[in-house]
């Protein structure tokens, strides 16, 4: 009888220990499979640089319904990339008692999509607030850590995508510490791609195309900053070759491809948004019309998503071309290098 009581007592103690270990693992600030850091510290996995800069209550009126985590993401590769291309899966917020995931709510999933499907230019950046929503949130149960999760095994099967350079490709941030000094500096990653610089109303040329930006405006045109959903950049393009050309990679009878890539709008905060965030993508290519020699096209390119807001003004437009692919084609128009244009929207010629 005494032996049975002792066994039950021993079993109970073991259960408590196991439960404590499980809780520690779920809410702790350490993960052997993740790169570790504090707030205001850049973590890098060979593709993405990420930092967490703030954690605050997520409110519905006067009631707290979750938490907001401000994150800054940068493309650390030499090409265009979205987190979805790197098989970005989910984020989890570790509390003192339990865990919340971004995708457990519609609000959280939608806010995560802002970054997941945003196409970043090389060295491009996006700052956004990730929502973690749940009914009956306890405001006293403070966030302790944040984990950002990728599926590295699946990415390894997609050889055409940039690969992680470390086995610790997930990120874990200890929200109880703040980095300073060297630890707060960006860790690795690409530099800005090379480009010819210019201003608004200045013709830019690379031997195949010349183009210029003539203005920027809110979208919709009469929207207040609070109701604005994007920006429009008006521009004109001209084929300066002696051939009929397509903007993209299409071939035809007597017609040449030019492999125009994309445009990226950068704002005062450092955010950048791809033209492919909008339905139809880049308006020059989606027009799908052959340009005769000297042929021109004026259009208004829409930029939406990616955290754009009316108070974060556009400051630069990056126009990119796949010069490597184009210049490898024999008998086709070739680009001067650098072929790309970086246009300062705060100055005018």
Protein backbone atom coordinates (compact mmCIF):
# COMPACT_ATOMS: atom_id res chain seq x y z
CA UNK A 1 0.00 0.00 0.00
CA UNK A 2 2.80 2.36 0.95
CA UNK A 3 4.60 1.38 -2.25
CA UNK A 4 1.59 2.32 -4.37
CA UNK A 5 1.29 5.75 -2.74
CA UNK A 6 4.98 6.39 -3.32
CA UNK A 7 4.64 5.37 -6.98
CA UNK A 8 1.71 7.73 -7.50
CA UNK A 9 3.62 10.56 -5.80
CA UNK A 10 6.70 9.86 -7.95
CA UNK A 11 4.59 9.73 -11.11
CA UNK A 12 2.98 13.05 -10.22
CA UNK A 13 6.35 14.72 -9.71
CA UNK A 14 7.59 13.36 -13.04
CA UNK A 15 4.45 14.64 -14.78
CA UNK A 16 5.00 18.09 -13.32
CA UNK A 17 8.63 18.07 -14.46
CA UNK A 18 7.68 16.95 -17.98
CA UNK A 19 4.96 19.61 -18.17
CA UNK A 20 7.42 22.25 -16.99
CA UNK A 21 9.95 21.20 -19.64
CA UNK A 22 7.28 21.28 -22.36
CA UNK A 23 6.13 24.71 -21.24
CA UNK A 24 9.72 25.95 -21.14
CA UNK A 25 10.29 24.73 -24.69
CA UNK A 26 7.09 26.33 -25.97
CA UNK A 27 7.63 29.70 -24.31
CA UNK A 28 11.39 29.78 -23.91
CA UNK A 29 13.78 32.12 -25.66
CA UNK A 30 16.00 29.45 -27.21
CA UNK A 31 15.61 27.13 -30.18
CA UNK A 32 18.47 24.98 -31.44
CA UNK A 33 17.12 25.20 -35.01
CA UNK A 34 16.89 28.99 -35.14
CA UNK A 35 19.18 31.96 -35.30
CA UNK A 36 18.83 33.85 -32.02
CA UNK A 37 18.67 37.58 -31.37
CA UNK A 38 17.15 40.43 -29.40
CA UNK A 39 14.92 43.29 -30.45
CA UNK A 40 16.62 45.80 -32.79
CA UNK A 41 19.02 43.07 -33.92
CA UNK A 42 19.28 41.92 -37.53
CA UNK A 43 19.21 38.17 -38.14
CA UNK A 44 20.23 36.74 -41.53
CA UNK A 45 19.79 33.30 -43.11
CA UNK A 46 21.38 33.90 -46.50
CA UNK A 47 18.14 35.09 -48.09
CA UNK A 48 16.41 37.36 -45.56
CA UNK A 49 17.47 39.89 -42.96
CA UNK A 50 14.82 40.55 -40.31
CA UNK A 51 14.62 42.61 -37.14
CA UNK A 52 11.87 43.26 -34.57
CA UNK A 53 11.59 46.88 -33.44
CA UNK A 54 8.44 47.05 -31.30
CA UNK A 55 5.70 45.05 -29.55
CA UNK A 56 2.44 46.72 -28.54
CA UNK A 57 -1.19 45.81 -27.71
CA UNK A 58 -3.57 45.28 -30.62
CA UNK A 59 -6.77 47.13 -29.73
CA UNK A 60 -10.39 47.00 -30.85
CA UNK A 61 -11.72 50.23 -29.41
CA UNK A 62 -10.85 50.10 -25.71
CA UNK A 63 -10.47 46.31 -25.62
CA UNK A 64 -7.21 44.53 -26.25
CA UNK A 65 -7.66 41.63 -28.71
CA UNK A 66 -4.06 40.66 -29.37
CA UNK A 67 -0.56 41.95 -30.00
CA UNK A 68 1.18 43.90 -32.78
CA UNK A 69 4.80 43.15 -33.62
CA UNK A 70 6.66 45.63 -35.83
CA UNK A 71 9.09 43.83 -38.14
CA UNK A 72 11.57 45.03 -40.76
CA UNK A 73 12.42 42.64 -43.62
CA UNK A 74 15.20 43.05 -46.21
CA UNK A 75 16.02 40.99 -49.26
CA UNK A 76 19.58 39.75 -48.77
CA UNK A 77 19.98 38.20 -52.23
CA UNK A 78 21.11 39.70 -55.53
CA UNK A 79 17.75 39.18 -57.27
CA UNK A 80 14.05 39.88 -56.86
CA UNK A 81 12.53 37.73 -54.14
CA UNK A 82 9.44 37.35 -51.93
CA UNK A 83 9.34 35.47 -48.60
CA UNK A 84 6.84 33.10 -50.21
CA UNK A 85 9.60 32.14 -52.66
CA UNK A 86 11.59 31.03 -49.60
CA UNK A 87 8.63 28.91 -48.36
CA UNK A 88 7.78 31.27 -45.49
CA UNK A 89 5.31 29.34 -43.31
CA UNK A 90 4.18 31.12 -40.17
CA UNK A 91 5.12 33.16 -37.12
CA UNK A 92 4.53 32.29 -33.48
CA UNK A 93 4.43 34.66 -30.53
CA UNK A 94 5.50 33.04 -27.27
CA UNK A 95 3.72 34.40 -24.19
CA UNK A 96 4.33 33.79 -20.54
CA UNK A 97 1.56 31.18 -20.76
CA UNK A 98 1.22 29.57 -24.19
CA UNK A 99 1.72 30.57 -27.83
CA UNK A 100 -0.19 32.49 -30.51
CA UNK A 101 0.39 31.95 -34.24
CA UNK A 102 -0.12 34.54 -36.94
CA UNK A 103 -2.24 32.24 -39.10
CA UNK A 104 -4.68 31.18 -36.39
CA UNK A 105 -6.80 34.24 -37.23
CA UNK A 106 -7.94 35.92 -40.43
CA UNK A 107 -6.50 39.25 -39.27
CA UNK A 108 -3.13 37.66 -38.57
CA UNK A 109 -3.05 35.76 -41.86
CA UNK A 110 -3.90 38.88 -43.85
CA UNK A 111 -1.22 40.96 -42.16
CA UNK A 112 1.36 38.21 -42.73
CA UNK A 113 0.48 38.19 -46.44
CA UNK A 114 1.71 41.80 -46.63
CA UNK A 115 5.25 40.52 -46.33
CA UNK A 116 4.88 36.96 -47.64
CA UNK A 117 3.81 37.97 -51.14
CA UNK A 118 5.66 41.28 -51.41
CA UNK A 119 8.31 41.15 -54.13
CA UNK A 120 11.49 42.79 -52.85
CA UNK A 121 14.18 44.35 -54.99
CA UNK A 122 17.75 43.33 -54.09
CA UNK A 123 18.42 45.06 -50.75
CA UNK A 124 14.75 46.16 -50.78
CA UNK A 125 12.99 46.64 -47.46
CA UNK A 126 9.52 46.41 -45.92
CA UNK A 127 8.43 47.52 -42.45
CA UNK A 128 5.04 46.25 -41.30
CA UNK A 129 3.04 45.32 -38.18
CA UNK A 130 2.21 41.64 -37.71
CA UNK A 131 -1.13 41.01 -36.00
CA UNK A 132 -1.55 38.22 -33.45
CA UNK A 133 -5.29 38.05 -32.70
CA UNK A 134 -7.26 35.96 -30.26
CA UNK A 135 -10.43 36.47 -28.25
CA UNK A 136 -10.07 36.85 -24.50
CA UNK A 137 -6.41 37.86 -24.58
CA UNK A 138 -4.92 38.44 -21.12
CA UNK A 139 -3.09 41.82 -21.29
CA UNK A 140 -0.91 40.78 -18.34
CA UNK A 141 0.38 37.71 -20.26
CA UNK A 142 3.20 39.53 -22.02
CA UNK A 143 5.02 38.36 -25.18
CA UNK A 144 8.39 36.77 -24.43
CA UNK A 145 9.61 35.68 -27.87
CA UNK A 146 8.85 35.64 -31.60
CA UNK A 147 9.70 32.81 -34.01
CA UNK A 148 9.65 33.19 -37.82
CA UNK A 149 9.41 29.85 -39.59
CA UNK A 150 10.46 28.72 -43.09
CA UNK A 151 10.26 25.28 -44.68
CA UNK A 152 13.92 24.80 -45.51
CA UNK A 153 13.49 21.17 -46.59
CA UNK A 154 10.94 22.16 -49.23
CA UNK A 155 13.05 25.10 -50.40
CA UNK A 156 16.02 22.75 -50.88
CA UNK A 157 13.93 20.88 -53.50
CA UNK A 158 13.36 24.09 -55.47
CA UNK A 159 16.80 24.55 -56.97
CA UNK A 160 15.81 27.61 -59.00
CA UNK A 161 15.20 29.64 -55.82
CA UNK A 162 17.92 31.28 -53.68
CA UNK A 163 18.89 28.89 -50.89
CA UNK A 164 19.54 29.49 -47.21
CA UNK A 165 23.23 29.51 -46.30
CA UNK A 166 22.75 28.14 -42.80
CA UNK A 167 20.95 25.20 -41.22
CA UNK A 168 19.56 27.70 -38.70
CA UNK A 169 17.32 29.42 -41.23
CA UNK A 170 14.42 30.18 -38.83
CA UNK A 171 14.58 33.28 -36.63
CA UNK A 172 13.89 33.53 -32.91
CA UNK A 173 13.79 36.91 -31.17
CA UNK A 174 14.01 37.30 -27.41
CA UNK A 175 11.60 40.17 -26.77
CA UNK A 176 13.02 40.68 -23.29
CA UNK A 177 16.33 42.14 -24.52
CA UNK A 178 17.32 45.01 -26.83
CA UNK A 179 20.48 44.91 -28.94
CA UNK A 180 22.91 47.82 -28.98
CA UNK A 181 26.23 48.56 -30.65
CA UNK A 182 27.64 46.05 -33.12
CA UNK A 183 24.85 43.53 -32.43
CA UNK A 184 22.29 46.01 -33.75
CA UNK A 185 24.00 46.35 -37.16
CA UNK A 186 22.71 44.60 -40.27
CA UNK A 187 24.15 41.11 -40.64
CA UNK A 188 25.15 40.21 -44.20
CA UNK A 189 23.05 40.50 -47.34
CA UNK A 190 23.23 42.19 -50.70
CA UNK A 191 23.99 45.76 -51.66
CA UNK A 192 21.84 47.89 -53.93
CA UNK A 193 22.00 46.77 -57.53
CA UNK A 194 23.96 49.01 -59.87
CA UNK A 195 21.92 51.56 -61.78
CA UNK A 196 22.19 54.86 -63.62
CA UNK A 197 20.79 57.71 -61.51
CA UNK A 198 18.40 60.41 -62.64
CA UNK A 199 15.53 62.70 -61.64
CA UNK A 200 11.88 63.20 -62.54
CA UNK A 201 11.40 64.49 -66.13
CA UNK A 202 14.91 63.30 -67.07
CA UNK A 203 15.25 60.90 -69.99
CA UNK A 204 17.09 57.70 -69.02
CA UNK A 205 18.63 55.47 -71.70
CA UNK A 206 20.38 52.09 -71.81
CA UNK A 207 20.81 51.50 -75.54
CA UNK A 208 17.50 49.67 -76.02
CA UNK A 209 14.93 51.81 -74.20
CA UNK A 210 14.71 55.38 -73.09
CA UNK A 211 12.14 56.37 -70.50
CA UNK A 212 11.29 59.13 -68.09
CA UNK A 213 9.03 59.64 -65.10
CA UNK A 214 6.76 62.65 -65.41
CA UNK A 215 5.00 62.60 -62.05
CA UNK A 216 3.62 60.74 -59.03
CA UNK A 217 0.12 60.92 -57.59
CA UNK A 218 -2.05 59.22 -54.94
CA UNK A 219 -4.41 56.40 -55.84
CA UNK A 220 -7.31 57.18 -55.95
CA UNK A 221 -6.41 60.73 -57.09
CA UNK A 222 -8.75 62.49 -54.66
CA UNK A 223 -8.03 60.22 -51.66
CA UNK A 224 -6.89 61.57 -48.31
CA UNK A 225 -3.70 59.97 -46.95
CA UNK A 226 -5.82 57.85 -44.60
CA UNK A 227 -7.97 56.49 -47.47
CA UNK A 228 -5.23 56.12 -50.04
CA UNK A 229 -4.42 52.56 -51.19
CA UNK A 230 -1.31 53.21 -53.28
CA UNK A 231 0.59 55.48 -55.64
CA UNK A 232 0.69 56.01 -59.41
CA UNK A 233 3.85 56.85 -61.32
CA UNK A 234 3.29 58.35 -64.80
CA UNK A 235 6.02 57.63 -67.34
CA UNK A 236 6.85 57.43 -71.03
CA UNK A 237 8.88 54.71 -72.77
CA UNK A 238 10.45 54.79 -76.26
CA UNK A 239 12.04 52.00 -78.32
CA UNK A 240 15.38 53.46 -79.46
CA UNK A 241 16.53 50.45 -81.48
CA UNK A 242 16.10 49.90 -85.21
CA UNK A 243 14.10 46.71 -84.54
CA UNK A 244 10.53 45.91 -83.59
CA UNK A 245 10.70 44.82 -79.95
CA UNK A 246 8.66 43.27 -77.19
CA UNK A 247 9.09 44.59 -73.62
CA UNK A 248 9.37 41.05 -72.25
CA UNK A 249 10.97 37.85 -73.49
CA UNK A 250 8.72 37.11 -76.46
CA UNK A 251 10.07 36.34 -79.92
CA UNK A 252 8.32 36.92 -83.22
CA UNK A 253 8.89 37.31 -86.94
CA UNK A 254 11.31 40.21 -87.15
CA UNK A 255 10.57 41.12 -83.53
CA UNK A 256 13.07 40.99 -80.68
CA UNK A 257 12.70 40.42 -76.93
CA UNK A 258 14.15 42.99 -74.52
CA UNK A 259 13.66 41.30 -71.12
CA UNK A 260 12.40 44.33 -69.20
CA UNK A 261 12.04 43.03 -65.60
CA UNK A 262 10.20 45.16 -63.08
CA UNK A 263 9.77 48.49 -61.32
CA UNK A 264 10.08 49.11 -57.58
CA UNK A 265 8.74 52.15 -55.76
CA UNK A 266 10.68 53.12 -52.62
CA UNK A 267 9.27 55.40 -49.92
CA UNK A 268 10.69 57.68 -47.24
CA UNK A 269 10.56 54.91 -44.64
CA UNK A 270 12.67 52.62 -46.84
CA UNK A 271 9.81 50.35 -47.91
CA UNK A 272 9.81 49.12 -51.48
CA UNK A 273 6.93 47.72 -53.54
CA UNK A 274 7.07 45.84 -56.84
CA UNK A 275 4.86 46.69 -59.81
CA UNK A 276 3.84 43.02 -59.77
CA UNK A 277 1.98 43.56 -56.48
CA UNK A 278 -0.87 44.98 -58.52
CA UNK A 279 -3.26 43.11 -60.80
CA UNK A 280 -1.75 42.99 -64.28
CA UNK A 281 1.75 43.70 -63.00
CA UNK A 282 4.06 45.98 -64.94
CA UNK A 283 1.89 47.97 -67.37
CA UNK A 284 4.60 48.21 -70.05
CA UNK A 285 4.85 44.44 -70.43
CA UNK A 286 1.22 43.57 -69.76
CA UNK A 287 0.19 45.77 -72.69
CA UNK A 288 1.61 42.96 -74.90
CA UNK A 289 2.05 45.18 -77.95
CA UNK A 290 5.06 45.25 -80.29
CA UNK A 291 6.97 48.55 -80.30
CA UNK A 292 8.17 49.66 -83.74
CA UNK A 293 11.44 51.61 -83.97
CA UNK A 294 10.79 54.94 -82.25
CA UNK A 295 7.46 53.67 -80.89
CA UNK A 296 6.42 55.19 -77.56
CA UNK A 297 3.94 54.49 -74.80
CA UNK A 298 2.83 56.77 -71.95
CA UNK A 299 1.12 55.12 -68.99
CA UNK A 300 0.44 55.35 -65.27
CA UNK A 301 1.93 52.50 -63.22
CA UNK A 302 -0.02 51.56 -60.10
CA UNK A 303 1.81 50.49 -56.93
CA UNK A 304 -0.26 48.99 -54.09
CA UNK A 305 0.25 46.78 -51.04
CA UNK A 306 3.50 46.23 -49.21
CA UNK A 307 2.55 48.54 -46.37
CA UNK A 308 2.11 51.62 -48.58
CA UNK A 309 0.27 54.52 -46.98
CA UNK A 310 -0.44 58.10 -47.93
CA UNK A 311 1.88 59.61 -45.32
CA UNK A 312 4.92 57.62 -46.53
CA UNK A 313 5.84 59.54 -49.67
CA UNK A 314 7.57 57.96 -52.69
CA UNK A 315 11.21 59.02 -53.05
CA UNK A 316 12.72 56.64 -55.67
CA UNK A 317 11.77 54.44 -58.59
CA UNK A 318 14.04 51.52 -59.50
CA UNK A 319 13.59 50.21 -63.07
CA UNK A 320 15.22 46.83 -63.72
CA UNK A 321 16.23 44.88 -66.83
CA UNK A 322 17.60 41.34 -67.18
CA UNK A 323 20.67 42.53 -69.07
CA UNK A 324 22.55 39.28 -68.52
CA UNK A 325 19.86 37.24 -70.26
CA UNK A 326 19.28 39.81 -73.00
CA UNK A 327 22.94 40.37 -73.82
CA UNK A 328 23.51 36.62 -74.16
CA UNK A 329 21.10 36.50 -77.11
CA UNK A 330 22.97 36.67 -80.44
CA UNK A 331 21.70 39.08 -83.04
CA UNK A 332 19.38 40.87 -80.60
CA UNK A 333 19.52 44.42 -79.18
CA UNK A 334 21.94 44.53 -76.25
CA UNK A 335 21.96 46.75 -73.17
CA UNK A 336 24.69 49.05 -72.05
CA UNK A 337 25.65 48.33 -68.43
CA UNK A 338 24.39 49.19 -65.95
CA UNK A 339 21.06 48.82 -67.71
CA UNK A 340 18.95 49.67 -64.65
CA UNK A 341 17.61 53.13 -63.75
CA UNK A 342 17.34 54.59 -60.24
CA UNK A 343 15.17 57.72 -60.43
CA UNK A 344 15.06 60.24 -57.58
CA UNK A 345 11.44 61.41 -57.34
CA UNK A 346 12.37 64.33 -55.09
CA UNK A 347 14.31 66.16 -57.83
CA UNK A 348 13.28 67.31 -61.30
CA UNK A 349 15.11 68.20 -64.52
